[in-house]
Amino acid sequence: MGCFLLTALARHAGRLAFSTIDNKLYFDNGNEWVKIGLEITLSAGDGLIGFSNSEFTFQSMEPIKAKEIKLLTGSGSLRFEWEMHGTLVVSDVNIVYAQIYRNGNAVGAVHSVDSSSYQSVTEEIAGWNAGDTVQLYVWSNLLWDGYVRNFRIYADINGLTQTIK
């Protein structure tokens, strides 16, 4: 059918229409167009739902994007885990920082590690929706190498709440 506004279609109860504007299927119940789909409510848990395990090396004293994952479905709370460390130079280690962003905006706490070996970081954040982009930004207090890896997103996949709409 191409792009169209549902309000522009002739009304017939029982009719189905696919909108290429939002890529959703709609049902005409006789009074209005109703979106058909599955809505999933997420809560932070132990089920791995997304990851970027590769090591990212950086030298920046300003926040830069190290990792990015798009959420394909669901809404609610998620748990994030990653590992990071700085570089040992003589007897000093640079401090590395990381913060979770949602769609380019900071939403998580600023985490810091002052170690030359990988340290684990964990944070739970609510308010996520399907289509959101999760980003991990990193920086350091010195222009020495910093490292981040094993960025993972977890939810309670056994207790998902699903609503057919």
N, C-alpha and C. Protein backbone atom coordinates (compact mmCIF):
# COMPACT_ATOMS: atom_id res chain seq x y z
N MET A 1 0.81 -1.21 0.00
CA MET A 1 0.00 0.00 0.00
C MET A 1 0.85 1.26 0.00
N GLY A 2 2.08 1.18 0.46
CA GLY A 2 2.91 2.37 0.54
C GLY A 2 2.62 3.15 1.81
N CYS A 3 3.12 4.37 1.89
CA CYS A 3 2.91 5.21 3.06
C CYS A 3 1.49 5.75 3.05
N PHE A 4 0.86 5.72 4.21
CA PHE A 4 -0.48 6.25 4.31
C PHE A 4 -0.79 6.60 5.76
N LEU A 5 -1.77 7.44 5.94
CA LEU A 5 -2.29 7.73 7.27
C LEU A 5 -3.52 6.86 7.47
N LEU A 6 -3.60 6.17 8.58
CA LEU A 6 -4.72 5.27 8.83
C LEU A 6 -6.05 6.02 8.78
N THR A 7 -6.04 7.27 9.21
CA THR A 7 -7.29 8.04 9.21
C THR A 7 -7.77 8.31 7.79
N ALA A 8 -6.89 8.19 6.80
CA ALA A 8 -7.27 8.46 5.42
C ALA A 8 -7.93 7.25 4.76
N LEU A 9 -7.79 6.07 5.36
CA LEU A 9 -8.38 4.87 4.78
C LEU A 9 -9.87 4.79 5.09
N ALA A 10 -10.62 4.25 4.14
CA ALA A 10 -12.06 4.04 4.38
C ALA A 10 -12.21 3.05 5.53
N ARG A 11 -13.16 3.30 6.43
CA ARG A 11 -13.36 2.47 7.62
C ARG A 11 -14.21 1.26 7.31
N HIS A 12 -13.72 0.07 7.66
CA HIS A 12 -14.44 -1.19 7.54
C HIS A 12 -14.02 -2.07 8.70
N ALA A 13 -14.94 -2.38 9.59
CA ALA A 13 -14.62 -3.23 10.74
C ALA A 13 -14.03 -4.55 10.24
N GLY A 14 -12.95 -4.97 10.89
CA GLY A 14 -12.32 -6.23 10.55
C GLY A 14 -11.18 -6.08 9.55
N ARG A 15 -11.00 -4.90 9.02
CA ARG A 15 -9.95 -4.67 8.03
C ARG A 15 -8.58 -4.59 8.71
N LEU A 16 -7.56 -5.14 8.06
CA LEU A 16 -6.17 -5.05 8.51
C LEU A 16 -5.42 -4.09 7.60
N ALA A 17 -4.48 -3.36 8.17
CA ALA A 17 -3.65 -2.46 7.38
C ALA A 17 -2.25 -2.42 7.99
N PHE A 18 -1.25 -2.41 7.13
CA PHE A 18 0.14 -2.29 7.58
C PHE A 18 0.61 -0.89 7.26
N SER A 19 1.12 -0.21 8.28
CA SER A 19 1.61 1.14 8.10
C SER A 19 3.12 1.11 7.87
N THR A 20 3.57 1.63 6.75
CA THR A 20 5.01 1.73 6.50
C THR A 20 5.60 2.97 7.17
N ILE A 21 4.77 3.77 7.78
CA ILE A 21 5.25 4.92 8.54
C ILE A 21 5.91 4.46 9.84
N ASP A 22 5.24 3.55 10.57
CA ASP A 22 5.81 3.05 11.83
C ASP A 22 6.07 1.54 11.79
N ASN A 23 5.88 0.91 10.61
CA ASN A 23 6.10 -0.53 10.44
C ASN A 23 5.30 -1.36 11.43
N LYS A 24 4.02 -1.03 11.60
CA LYS A 24 3.12 -1.74 12.50
C LYS A 24 1.88 -2.20 11.75
N LEU A 25 1.30 -3.29 12.26
CA LEU A 25 0.06 -3.82 11.72
C LEU A 25 -1.10 -3.29 12.56
N TYR A 26 -2.18 -2.86 11.90
CA TYR A 26 -3.34 -2.30 12.59
C TYR A 26 -4.61 -3.06 12.20
N PHE A 27 -5.57 -3.08 13.14
CA PHE A 27 -6.86 -3.74 12.97
C PHE A 27 -7.95 -2.70 13.17
N ASP A 28 -8.92 -2.66 12.26
CA ASP A 28 -10.05 -1.73 12.39
C ASP A 28 -11.14 -2.43 13.20
N ASN A 29 -11.37 -1.98 14.43
CA ASN A 29 -12.37 -2.63 15.28
C ASN A 29 -13.77 -2.04 15.09
N GLY A 30 -13.93 -1.18 14.11
CA GLY A 30 -15.21 -0.56 13.84
C GLY A 30 -15.29 0.86 14.37
N ASN A 31 -14.48 1.17 15.38
CA ASN A 31 -14.47 2.51 15.96
C ASN A 31 -13.15 3.23 15.75
N GLU A 32 -12.05 2.46 15.72
CA GLU A 32 -10.72 3.05 15.58
C GLU A 32 -9.73 2.01 15.08
N TRP A 33 -8.57 2.48 14.61
CA TRP A 33 -7.48 1.59 14.23
C TRP A 33 -6.72 1.21 15.50
N VAL A 34 -6.53 -0.09 15.72
CA VAL A 34 -5.85 -0.59 16.92
C VAL A 34 -4.57 -1.29 16.49
N LYS A 35 -3.45 -0.89 17.10
CA LYS A 35 -2.17 -1.51 16.78
C LYS A 35 -2.16 -2.95 17.29
N ILE A 36 -1.69 -3.86 16.44
CA ILE A 36 -1.57 -5.27 16.82
C ILE A 36 -0.10 -5.54 17.10
N GLY A 37 0.18 -6.14 18.23
CA GLY A 37 1.57 -6.45 18.53
C GLY A 37 1.75 -7.03 19.90
N LEU A 38 2.96 -7.31 20.22
CA LEU A 38 3.34 -7.87 21.50
C LEU A 38 4.13 -6.84 22.27
N GLU A 39 3.72 -6.57 23.48
CA GLU A 39 4.43 -5.61 24.32
C GLU A 39 5.12 -6.38 25.44
N ILE A 40 6.41 -6.17 25.61
CA ILE A 40 7.19 -6.91 26.60
C ILE A 40 7.71 -5.95 27.66
N THR A 41 7.44 -6.26 28.93
CA THR A 41 7.95 -5.46 30.04
C THR A 41 9.20 -6.14 30.58
N LEU A 42 10.30 -5.40 30.61
CA LEU A 42 11.58 -5.93 31.05
C LEU A 42 11.88 -5.51 32.49
N SER A 43 12.54 -6.39 33.22
CA SER A 43 13.10 -6.02 34.52
C SER A 43 14.52 -6.53 34.57
N ALA A 44 15.38 -5.81 35.26
CA ALA A 44 16.79 -6.19 35.35
C ALA A 44 16.90 -7.60 35.90
N GLY A 45 17.78 -8.41 35.32
CA GLY A 45 17.94 -9.80 35.74
C GLY A 45 19.22 -10.39 35.22
N ASP A 46 19.23 -11.72 35.06
CA ASP A 46 20.45 -12.43 34.68
C ASP A 46 20.46 -12.95 33.24
N GLY A 47 19.42 -12.69 32.46
CA GLY A 47 19.36 -13.18 31.09
C GLY A 47 20.05 -12.22 30.13
N LEU A 48 21.05 -12.69 29.44
CA LEU A 48 21.80 -11.86 28.49
C LEU A 48 20.93 -11.55 27.27
N ILE A 49 20.69 -10.26 27.00
CA ILE A 49 19.86 -9.87 25.85
C ILE A 49 20.63 -9.04 24.82
N GLY A 50 21.85 -8.63 25.14
CA GLY A 50 22.66 -7.87 24.19
C GLY A 50 24.09 -7.79 24.68
N PHE A 51 25.04 -7.73 23.74
CA PHE A 51 26.44 -7.64 24.16
C PHE A 51 27.33 -7.09 23.06
N SER A 52 28.45 -6.54 23.48
CA SER A 52 29.54 -6.11 22.61
C SER A 52 30.81 -6.41 23.38
N ASN A 53 31.41 -7.57 23.10
CA ASN A 53 32.53 -8.06 23.91
C ASN A 53 33.90 -7.55 23.49
N SER A 54 34.03 -7.00 22.29
CA SER A 54 35.35 -6.60 21.80
C SER A 54 35.96 -5.51 22.68
N GLU A 55 37.30 -5.53 22.73
CA GLU A 55 38.01 -4.52 23.52
C GLU A 55 38.08 -3.21 22.75
N PHE A 56 37.82 -2.12 23.44
CA PHE A 56 37.90 -0.78 22.87
C PHE A 56 38.98 -0.03 23.62
N THR A 57 39.98 0.48 22.90
CA THR A 57 41.08 1.25 23.49
C THR A 57 40.86 2.72 23.19
N PHE A 58 41.09 3.57 24.18
CA PHE A 58 40.84 5.00 23.98
C PHE A 58 41.88 5.85 24.68
N GLN A 59 42.05 7.06 24.17
CA GLN A 59 42.85 8.11 24.79
C GLN A 59 42.05 9.40 24.66
N SER A 60 41.30 9.72 25.66
CA SER A 60 40.47 10.92 25.62
C SER A 60 40.16 11.40 27.03
N MET A 61 40.24 12.71 27.21
CA MET A 61 39.86 13.29 28.50
C MET A 61 38.43 13.82 28.45
N GLU A 62 37.77 13.64 27.32
CA GLU A 62 36.36 14.00 27.14
C GLU A 62 35.58 12.72 26.82
N PRO A 63 34.31 12.62 27.23
CA PRO A 63 33.54 11.41 26.95
C PRO A 63 33.45 11.11 25.44
N ILE A 64 33.76 9.85 25.08
CA ILE A 64 33.63 9.38 23.71
C ILE A 64 32.84 8.07 23.73
N LYS A 65 32.10 7.82 22.65
CA LYS A 65 31.28 6.62 22.58
C LYS A 65 32.15 5.41 22.29
N ALA A 66 32.10 4.41 23.19
CA ALA A 66 32.88 3.18 23.02
C ALA A 66 32.01 2.03 22.53
N LYS A 67 30.78 1.97 22.98
CA LYS A 67 29.88 0.86 22.66
C LYS A 67 28.49 1.41 22.38
N GLU A 68 27.75 0.69 21.51
CA GLU A 68 26.38 1.09 21.20
C GLU A 68 25.56 -0.14 20.82
N ILE A 69 24.39 -0.29 21.44
CA ILE A 69 23.49 -1.41 21.15
C ILE A 69 22.07 -0.86 21.08
N LYS A 70 21.33 -1.25 20.04
CA LYS A 70 19.94 -0.82 19.90
C LYS A 70 19.02 -1.87 20.49
N LEU A 71 18.07 -1.43 21.32
CA LEU A 71 17.09 -2.34 21.91
C LEU A 71 15.98 -2.60 20.90
N LEU A 72 15.75 -3.85 20.58
CA LEU A 72 14.78 -4.19 19.55
C LEU A 72 13.37 -4.36 20.07
N THR A 73 13.23 -4.72 21.33
CA THR A 73 11.89 -4.95 21.88
C THR A 73 11.89 -4.70 23.38
N GLY A 74 10.71 -4.54 23.92
CA GLY A 74 10.55 -4.43 25.37
C GLY A 74 10.71 -3.03 25.91
N SER A 75 10.29 -2.88 27.15
CA SER A 75 10.46 -1.63 27.88
C SER A 75 10.59 -1.96 29.36
N GLY A 76 11.30 -1.11 30.09
CA GLY A 76 11.46 -1.33 31.52
C GLY A 76 12.89 -1.11 31.99
N SER A 77 13.32 -1.94 32.94
CA SER A 77 14.63 -1.82 33.58
C SER A 77 15.61 -2.84 33.01
N LEU A 78 16.86 -2.44 32.93
CA LEU A 78 17.92 -3.31 32.43
C LEU A 78 19.14 -3.22 33.34
N ARG A 79 19.92 -4.30 33.36
CA ARG A 79 21.20 -4.29 34.08
C ARG A 79 22.33 -4.29 33.05
N PHE A 80 23.31 -3.44 33.29
CA PHE A 80 24.46 -3.30 32.40
C PHE A 80 25.71 -3.72 33.15
N GLU A 81 26.58 -4.44 32.46
CA GLU A 81 27.87 -4.84 33.03
C GLU A 81 28.95 -4.63 31.99
N TRP A 82 30.13 -4.23 32.44
CA TRP A 82 31.28 -4.11 31.56
C TRP A 82 32.54 -4.16 32.40
N GLU A 83 33.67 -4.29 31.74
CA GLU A 83 34.97 -4.29 32.40
C GLU A 83 35.80 -3.17 31.81
N MET A 84 36.62 -2.53 32.67
CA MET A 84 37.48 -1.45 32.18
C MET A 84 38.72 -1.34 33.05
N HIS A 85 39.77 -0.74 32.48
CA HIS A 85 40.99 -0.47 33.24
C HIS A 85 41.81 0.61 32.56
N GLY A 86 42.76 1.16 33.32
CA GLY A 86 43.67 2.18 32.81
C GLY A 86 45.03 1.57 32.50
N THR A 87 46.04 2.45 32.40
CA THR A 87 47.39 2.03 32.05
C THR A 87 48.34 2.40 33.17
N LEU A 88 49.22 1.48 33.52
CA LEU A 88 50.26 1.72 34.52
C LEU A 88 51.47 2.34 33.84
N VAL A 89 51.83 3.55 34.27
CA VAL A 89 53.02 4.21 33.75
C VAL A 89 53.88 4.58 34.96
N VAL A 90 55.07 4.02 35.03
CA VAL A 90 55.98 4.13 36.16
C VAL A 90 55.25 3.60 37.39
N SER A 91 54.83 4.45 38.29
CA SER A 91 54.10 3.97 39.48
C SER A 91 52.72 4.60 39.58
N ASP A 92 52.23 5.12 38.46
CA ASP A 92 50.94 5.80 38.47
C ASP A 92 50.00 5.14 37.45
N VAL A 93 48.71 5.09 37.79
CA VAL A 93 47.69 4.54 36.90
C VAL A 93 46.69 5.65 36.60
N ASN A 94 46.35 5.80 35.32
CA ASN A 94 45.30 6.77 34.99
C ASN A 94 43.95 6.24 35.46
N ILE A 95 43.06 7.15 35.79
CA ILE A 95 41.71 6.80 36.19
C ILE A 95 40.85 6.81 34.94
N VAL A 96 40.11 5.71 34.71
CA VAL A 96 39.19 5.66 33.58
C VAL A 96 37.76 5.77 34.10
N TYR A 97 36.93 6.41 33.30
CA TYR A 97 35.54 6.68 33.67
C TYR A 97 34.62 6.11 32.59
N ALA A 98 33.40 5.76 32.98
CA ALA A 98 32.39 5.29 32.02
C ALA A 98 31.02 5.71 32.52
N GLN A 99 30.12 5.93 31.54
CA GLN A 99 28.74 6.32 31.87
C GLN A 99 27.81 5.81 30.77
N ILE A 100 26.64 5.29 31.19
CA ILE A 100 25.61 4.82 30.26
C ILE A 100 24.81 6.01 29.74
N TYR A 101 24.57 6.00 28.42
CA TYR A 101 23.75 7.02 27.77
C TYR A 101 22.55 6.32 27.12
N ARG A 102 21.44 7.04 27.01
CA ARG A 102 20.25 6.59 26.28
C ARG A 102 20.00 7.58 25.15
N ASN A 103 20.08 7.10 23.92
CA ASN A 103 19.82 7.95 22.75
C ASN A 103 20.63 9.24 22.77
N GLY A 104 21.90 9.14 23.20
CA GLY A 104 22.80 10.29 23.21
C GLY A 104 22.75 11.16 24.45
N ASN A 105 21.94 10.77 25.46
CA ASN A 105 21.83 11.55 26.70
C ASN A 105 22.27 10.72 27.90
N ALA A 106 23.09 11.29 28.76
CA ALA A 106 23.58 10.59 29.94
C ALA A 106 22.42 10.23 30.86
N VAL A 107 22.35 8.95 31.27
CA VAL A 107 21.29 8.51 32.20
C VAL A 107 21.86 7.73 33.38
N GLY A 108 23.06 7.23 33.27
CA GLY A 108 23.65 6.43 34.33
C GLY A 108 24.59 7.25 35.19
N ALA A 109 25.06 6.62 36.25
CA ALA A 109 26.05 7.24 37.13
C ALA A 109 27.41 7.22 36.44
N VAL A 110 28.30 8.10 36.86
CA VAL A 110 29.68 8.07 36.38
C VAL A 110 30.44 7.06 37.23
N HIS A 111 31.04 6.07 36.57
CA HIS A 111 31.81 5.02 37.25
C HIS A 111 33.29 5.24 36.96
N SER A 112 34.13 4.97 37.94
CA SER A 112 35.58 5.14 37.75
C SER A 112 36.33 3.92 38.25
N VAL A 113 37.48 3.68 37.60
CA VAL A 113 38.38 2.58 37.96
C VAL A 113 39.80 3.13 37.90
N ASP A 114 40.58 2.89 38.95
CA ASP A 114 41.98 3.31 38.94
C ASP A 114 42.88 2.09 39.12
N SER A 115 42.80 1.20 38.14
CA SER A 115 43.55 -0.05 38.16
C SER A 115 44.11 -0.31 36.78
N SER A 116 45.22 -1.03 36.72
CA SER A 116 45.79 -1.41 35.42
C SER A 116 45.34 -2.81 35.01
N SER A 117 44.45 -3.42 35.79
CA SER A 117 43.86 -4.71 35.40
C SER A 117 42.33 -4.53 35.34
N TYR A 118 41.69 -5.35 34.53
CA TYR A 118 40.25 -5.20 34.33
C TYR A 118 39.47 -5.30 35.63
N GLN A 119 38.53 -4.37 35.81
CA GLN A 119 37.62 -4.34 36.95
C GLN A 119 36.19 -4.34 36.40
N SER A 120 35.30 -5.08 37.04
CA SER A 120 33.90 -5.16 36.61
C SER A 120 33.08 -4.01 37.17
N VAL A 121 32.16 -3.53 36.36
CA VAL A 121 31.24 -2.46 36.75
C VAL A 121 29.83 -2.93 36.41
N THR A 122 28.87 -2.64 37.31
CA THR A 122 27.48 -3.03 37.12
C THR A 122 26.57 -1.86 37.46
N GLU A 123 25.49 -1.70 36.68
CA GLU A 123 24.51 -0.66 36.99
C GLU A 123 23.15 -1.07 36.42
N GLU A 124 22.09 -0.77 37.18
CA GLU A 124 20.71 -1.00 36.72
C GLU A 124 20.07 0.35 36.45
N ILE A 125 19.37 0.44 35.31
CA ILE A 125 18.73 1.69 34.92
C ILE A 125 17.34 1.38 34.36
N ALA A 126 16.35 2.14 34.79
CA ALA A 126 14.96 1.99 34.34
C ALA A 126 14.66 2.96 33.21
N GLY A 127 13.48 2.80 32.61
CA GLY A 127 13.00 3.76 31.62
C GLY A 127 13.35 3.46 30.18
N TRP A 128 13.76 2.23 29.88
CA TRP A 128 14.14 1.86 28.51
C TRP A 128 12.92 1.46 27.70
N ASN A 129 12.97 1.72 26.39
CA ASN A 129 11.89 1.35 25.47
C ASN A 129 12.48 0.75 24.20
N ALA A 130 11.68 -0.07 23.53
CA ALA A 130 12.10 -0.63 22.25
C ALA A 130 12.48 0.51 21.32
N GLY A 131 13.58 0.35 20.61
CA GLY A 131 14.06 1.39 19.71
C GLY A 131 15.10 2.30 20.33
N ASP A 132 15.21 2.29 21.67
CA ASP A 132 16.24 3.09 22.33
C ASP A 132 17.63 2.55 21.97
N THR A 133 18.60 3.45 21.95
CA THR A 133 19.98 3.07 21.74
C THR A 133 20.73 3.22 23.06
N VAL A 134 21.37 2.13 23.49
CA VAL A 134 22.19 2.13 24.70
C VAL A 134 23.61 2.43 24.27
N GLN A 135 24.24 3.39 24.92
CA GLN A 135 25.62 3.74 24.59
C GLN A 135 26.46 3.77 25.86
N LEU A 136 27.70 3.35 25.74
CA LEU A 136 28.66 3.43 26.83
C LEU A 136 29.73 4.43 26.41
N TYR A 137 29.80 5.53 27.16
CA TYR A 137 30.81 6.55 26.91
C TYR A 137 31.94 6.39 27.92
N VAL A 138 33.17 6.64 27.47
CA VAL A 138 34.36 6.45 28.31
C VAL A 138 35.29 7.65 28.18
N TRP A 139 36.13 7.86 29.20
CA TRP A 139 37.15 8.89 29.16
C TRP A 139 38.14 8.62 30.29
N SER A 140 39.20 9.42 30.35
CA SER A 140 40.26 9.21 31.34
C SER A 140 40.70 10.56 31.89
N ASN A 141 41.40 10.52 33.04
CA ASN A 141 41.90 11.76 33.62
C ASN A 141 43.22 12.19 32.96
N LEU A 142 43.86 11.28 32.21
CA LEU A 142 45.12 11.56 31.51
C LEU A 142 45.04 11.01 30.10
N LEU A 143 45.90 11.50 29.22
CA LEU A 143 45.90 10.99 27.85
C LEU A 143 46.76 9.73 27.73
N TRP A 144 46.45 8.77 28.58
CA TRP A 144 47.06 7.44 28.52
C TRP A 144 45.96 6.48 28.08
N ASP A 145 46.37 5.31 27.61
CA ASP A 145 45.39 4.34 27.14
C ASP A 145 44.43 3.90 28.25
N GLY A 146 43.15 3.84 27.89
CA GLY A 146 42.13 3.23 28.71
C GLY A 146 41.49 2.10 27.90
N TYR A 147 40.91 1.14 28.58
CA TYR A 147 40.36 -0.03 27.90
C TYR A 147 38.99 -0.38 28.48
N VAL A 148 38.08 -0.79 27.60
CA VAL A 148 36.77 -1.28 28.02
C VAL A 148 36.43 -2.48 27.15
N ARG A 149 35.76 -3.49 27.75
CA ARG A 149 35.36 -4.69 27.01
C ARG A 149 34.17 -5.34 27.71
N ASN A 150 33.63 -6.37 27.06
CA ASN A 150 32.56 -7.20 27.62
C ASN A 150 31.37 -6.37 28.11
N PHE A 151 30.90 -5.45 27.25
CA PHE A 151 29.72 -4.65 27.56
C PHE A 151 28.50 -5.53 27.32
N ARG A 152 27.70 -5.73 28.36
CA ARG A 152 26.57 -6.66 28.28
C ARG A 152 25.32 -6.07 28.91
N ILE A 153 24.18 -6.47 28.34
CA ILE A 153 22.87 -6.01 28.83
C ILE A 153 22.10 -7.24 29.28
N TYR A 154 21.51 -7.14 30.49
CA TYR A 154 20.79 -8.27 31.08
C TYR A 154 19.37 -7.86 31.48
N ALA A 155 18.45 -8.84 31.37
CA ALA A 155 17.07 -8.67 31.82
C ALA A 155 16.58 -10.01 32.35
N ASP A 156 15.50 -9.99 33.11
CA ASP A 156 14.88 -11.21 33.61
C ASP A 156 14.07 -11.82 32.48
N ILE A 157 14.68 -12.72 31.72
CA ILE A 157 13.98 -13.29 30.56
C ILE A 157 13.03 -14.40 30.95
N ASN A 158 13.14 -14.93 32.17
CA ASN A 158 12.20 -15.97 32.61
C ASN A 158 10.89 -15.38 33.12
N GLY A 159 10.94 -14.14 33.60
CA GLY A 159 9.75 -13.52 34.16
C GLY A 159 9.21 -12.40 33.30
N LEU A 160 9.41 -12.47 31.98
CA LEU A 160 8.91 -11.41 31.12
C LEU A 160 7.39 -11.30 31.22
N THR A 161 6.92 -10.08 31.27
CA THR A 161 5.49 -9.83 31.25
C THR A 161 5.13 -9.47 29.81
N GLN A 162 4.25 -10.23 29.21
CA GLN A 162 3.87 -9.98 27.82
C GLN A 162 2.39 -9.62 27.74
N THR A 163 2.10 -8.61 26.98
CA THR A 163 0.72 -8.19 26.78
C THR A 163 0.44 -8.13 25.29
N ILE A 164 -0.58 -8.84 24.85
CA ILE A 164 -0.97 -8.77 23.44
C ILE A 164 -1.86 -7.55 23.29
N LYS A 165 -1.50 -6.69 22.36
CA LYS A 165 -2.30 -5.48 22.11
C LYS A 165 -2.82 -5.50 20.71
